[in-house]
C-alpha atoms as a PDB file:
ATOM      1  CA  MET A   1      82.486 105.523 140.618  1.00  0.00           C
ATOM      2  CA  ILE A   2      85.579 106.236 138.528  1.00  0.00           C
ATOM      3  CA  ASN A   3      87.922 108.775 140.020  1.00  0.00           C
ATOM      4  CA  PRO A   4      88.538 111.272 137.175  1.00  0.00           C
ATOM      5  CA  GLU A   5      91.953 112.192 138.554  1.00  0.00           C
ATOM      6  CA  ILE A   6      93.168 108.605 138.309  1.00  0.00           C
ATOM      7  CA  HIS A   7      91.691 108.234 134.841  1.00  0.00           C
ATOM      8  CA  ARG A   8      93.449 111.376 133.604  1.00  0.00           C
ATOM      9  CA  GLU A   9      96.722 110.173 135.073  1.00  0.00           C
ATOM     10  CA  GLU A  10      96.414 106.801 133.294  1.00  0.00           C
ATOM     11  CA  GLU A  11      95.674 108.502 129.979  1.00  0.00           C
ATOM     12  CA  ALA A  12      98.750 110.671 130.348  1.00  0.00           C
ATOM     13  CA  THR A  13     100.982 107.582 130.487  1.00  0.00           C
ATOM     14  CA  ILE A  14      99.820 106.147 127.149  1.00  0.00           C
ATOM     15  CA  ASP A  15     102.415 106.834 124.463  1.00  0.00           C
ATOM     16  CA  THR A  16     100.700 108.097 121.350  1.00  0.00           C
ATOM     17  CA  SER A  17     103.689 109.865 119.815  1.00  0.00           C
ATOM     18  CA  TRP A  18     103.586 107.379 116.937  1.00  0.00           C
ATOM     19  CA  PHE A  19     100.141 108.661 115.811  1.00  0.00           C
ATOM     20  CA  LYS A  20     101.722 111.435 113.748  1.00  0.00           C
ATOM     21  CA  ASP A  21     103.696 108.889 111.692  1.00  0.00           C
ATOM     22  CA  ALA A  22     100.699 106.675 110.900  1.00  0.00           C
ATOM     23  CA  ALA A  23      99.683 106.308 107.263  1.00  0.00           C
ATOM     24  CA  CYS A  24      96.109 107.034 108.321  1.00  0.00           C
ATOM     25  CA  ALA A  25      96.983 110.380 109.921  1.00  0.00           C
ATOM     26  CA  ASP A  26      95.880 112.235 106.797  1.00  0.00           C
ATOM     27  CA  GLN A  27      93.001 109.889 105.941  1.00  0.00           C
ATOM     28  CA  ALA A  28      89.342 110.252 106.838  1.00  0.00           C
ATOM     29  CA  THR A  29      88.808 108.512 110.182  1.00  0.00           C
ATOM     30  CA  ASN A  30      85.525 106.961 109.078  1.00  0.00           C
ATOM     31  CA  LEU A  31      87.404 104.850 106.526  1.00  0.00           C
ATOM     32  CA  PHE A  32      88.903 102.885 109.423  1.00  0.00           C
ATOM     33  CA  PHE A  33      85.630 102.529 111.321  1.00  0.00           C
ATOM     34  CA  GLU A  34      82.871 102.515 108.713  1.00  0.00           C
ATOM     35  CA  GLY A  35      84.516 102.183 105.339  1.00  0.00           C
ATOM     36  CA  PRO A  36      85.342  99.088 103.366  1.00  0.00           C
ATOM     37  CA  VAL A  37      87.713  97.064 105.535  1.00  0.00           C
ATOM     38  CA  HIS A  38      89.915  96.056 102.620  1.00  0.00           C
ATOM     39  CA  LEU A  39      90.683  99.705 101.767  1.00  0.00           C
ATOM     40  CA  ALA A  40      91.691 100.526 105.329  1.00  0.00           C
ATOM     41  CA  GLN A  41      93.773  97.360 105.573  1.00  0.00           C
ATOM     42  CA  ARG A  42      95.531  98.164 102.301  1.00  0.00           C
ATOM     43  CA  ILE A  43      96.636 101.535 103.683  1.00  0.00           C
ATOM     44  CA  CYS A  44      97.898  99.903 106.872  1.00  0.00           C
ATOM     45  CA  MET A  45      99.669  97.002 105.214  1.00  0.00           C
ATOM     46  CA  THR A  46     101.349  98.861 102.367  1.00  0.00           C
ATOM     47  CA  GLN A  47     102.021 102.363 103.650  1.00  0.00           C
ATOM     48  CA  CYS A  48     102.230 102.401 107.436  1.00  0.00           C
ATOM     49  CA  VAL A  49     105.538 102.417 109.291  1.00  0.00           C
ATOM     50  CA  VAL A  50     103.898 102.243 112.748  1.00  0.00           C
ATOM     51  CA  ARG A  51     101.596  99.299 112.125  1.00  0.00           C
ATOM     52  CA  GLU A  52     102.979  97.289 115.046  1.00  0.00           C
ATOM     53  CA  GLU A  53     102.595 100.195 117.484  1.00  0.00           C
ATOM     54  CA  CYS A  54      99.040 100.708 116.260  1.00  0.00           C
ATOM     55  CA  TYR A  55      98.170  97.043 116.755  1.00  0.00           C
ATOM     56  CA  LYS A  56      99.651  97.020 120.270  1.00  0.00           C
ATOM     57  CA  TYR A  57      97.794 100.221 121.140  1.00  0.00           C
ATOM     58  CA  ALA A  58      94.495  98.645 120.088  1.00  0.00           C
ATOM     59  CA  VAL A  59      95.124  95.493 122.106  1.00  0.00           C
ATOM     60  CA  ASN A  60      96.355  97.327 125.205  1.00  0.00           C
ATOM     61  CA  ASN A  61      93.398  99.712 125.122  1.00  0.00           C
ATOM     62  CA  ASN A  62      90.808  97.063 124.294  1.00  0.00           C
ATOM     63  CA  GLU A  63      89.715  98.836 121.125  1.00  0.00           C
ATOM     64  CA  GLN A  64      86.615  97.035 119.935  1.00  0.00           C
ATOM     65  CA  PHE A  65      85.885  98.830 116.679  1.00  0.00           C
ATOM     66  CA  GLY A  66      87.779  99.722 113.565  1.00  0.00           C
ATOM     67  CA  VAL A  67      90.917  98.675 111.773  1.00  0.00           C
ATOM     68  CA  TRP A  68      94.060  99.011 113.871  1.00  0.00           C
ATOM     69  CA  GLY A  69      97.450  97.939 112.553  1.00  0.00           C
ATOM     70  CA  GLY A  70      95.729  96.390 109.561  1.00  0.00           C
ATOM     71  CA  VAL A  71      93.617  94.094 111.718  1.00  0.00           C
ATOM     72  CA  ILE A  72      89.890  94.228 112.423  1.00  0.00           C
ATOM     73  CA  PHE A  73      88.432  93.588 115.885  1.00  0.00           C
ATOM     74  CA  SER A  74      87.268  90.033 115.241  1.00  0.00           C
ATOM     75  CA  GLN A  75      90.763  89.095 114.047  1.00  0.00           C
ATOM     76  CA  ARG A  76      92.450  90.789 117.031  1.00  0.00           C
ATOM     77  CA  ARG A  77      90.425  88.731 119.488  1.00  0.00           C
ATOM     78  CA  LYS A  78      91.841  85.499 118.051  1.00  0.00           C
ATOM     79  CA  LYS A  79      95.474  86.515 118.567  1.00  0.00           C
END
């Protein structure tokens, strides 16, 4: 069984301060999880100043769905 105290402590150490600077911060979340991939990637690749942080966050947290840092899950797995 997962100890909720340990889990909360681990979550507290993840730096998400960059979220507020992401180009997707004012976009509908479903665009990056359900929408056309090319539209989400265009926002990431042309407008986002924290693309690298986003990509690293997705890799470090084993995100399996969505577009993160302009990359979709199947592409992330190859890197």
